[in-house]
Amino acid sequence: MEDIFGQGIVLGMLATGLRLATPYLLAALGEMFTQRSVFIIWVWKVLC
């Protein structure tokens, strides 16, 4: 019986961690694409 409750607690902690980390992961992903697009625009201006 204790094992079922222990697994529920671990699963709940993982779900909470994922829920709290999602905004930071999306912000980092957006920043990565923004920096890459700025670099591509800069290269396009330099070459053309």
Protein backbone atom coordinates (compact mmCIF):
# COMPACT_ATOMS: atom_id res chain seq x y z
CA MET A 1 0.00 0.00 0.00
CA GLU A 2 2.85 2.41 0.78
CA ASP A 3 4.38 1.78 -2.64
CA ILE A 4 1.24 3.05 -4.41
CA PHE A 5 1.30 6.29 -2.41
CA GLY A 6 5.04 6.69 -2.97
CA GLN A 7 4.65 6.37 -6.71
CA GLY A 8 1.82 8.90 -6.66
CA ILE A 9 3.96 11.42 -4.81
CA VAL A 10 6.87 10.98 -7.22
CA LEU A 11 4.56 11.25 -10.23
CA GLY A 12 2.94 14.36 -8.76
CA MET A 13 6.33 15.99 -8.17
CA LEU A 14 7.42 15.25 -11.74
CA ALA A 15 4.17 16.66 -13.13
CA THR A 16 4.51 19.80 -11.00
CA GLY A 17 8.12 20.27 -12.07
CA LEU A 18 7.15 19.95 -15.73
CA ARG A 19 4.27 22.38 -15.28
CA LEU A 20 6.51 24.95 -13.59
CA ALA A 21 9.37 24.54 -16.08
CA THR A 22 7.25 24.83 -19.25
CA PRO A 23 7.14 28.66 -19.41
CA TYR A 24 10.91 28.87 -19.00
CA LEU A 25 11.47 26.22 -21.67
CA LEU A 26 9.17 28.03 -24.11
CA ALA A 27 10.86 31.36 -23.40
CA ALA A 28 14.30 29.84 -24.01
CA LEU A 29 13.08 28.25 -27.25
CA GLY A 30 11.65 31.56 -28.44
CA GLU A 31 14.89 33.36 -27.59
CA MET A 32 16.86 30.79 -29.57
CA PHE A 33 14.73 31.31 -32.68
CA THR A 34 14.87 35.10 -32.28
CA GLN A 35 18.67 35.14 -32.09
CA ARG A 36 18.95 32.82 -35.07
CA SER A 37 16.61 34.95 -37.20
CA VAL A 38 18.48 38.14 -36.27
CA PHE A 39 21.75 36.50 -37.33
CA ILE A 40 20.23 35.38 -40.64
CA ILE A 41 18.91 38.91 -41.31
CA TRP A 42 22.33 40.38 -40.48
CA VAL A 43 24.10 37.96 -42.85
CA TRP A 44 21.56 38.74 -45.58
CA LYS A 45 22.23 42.48 -45.20
CA VAL A 46 26.00 42.00 -45.26
CA LEU A 47 25.96 39.78 -48.35
CA CYS A 48 23.43 41.78 -50.36
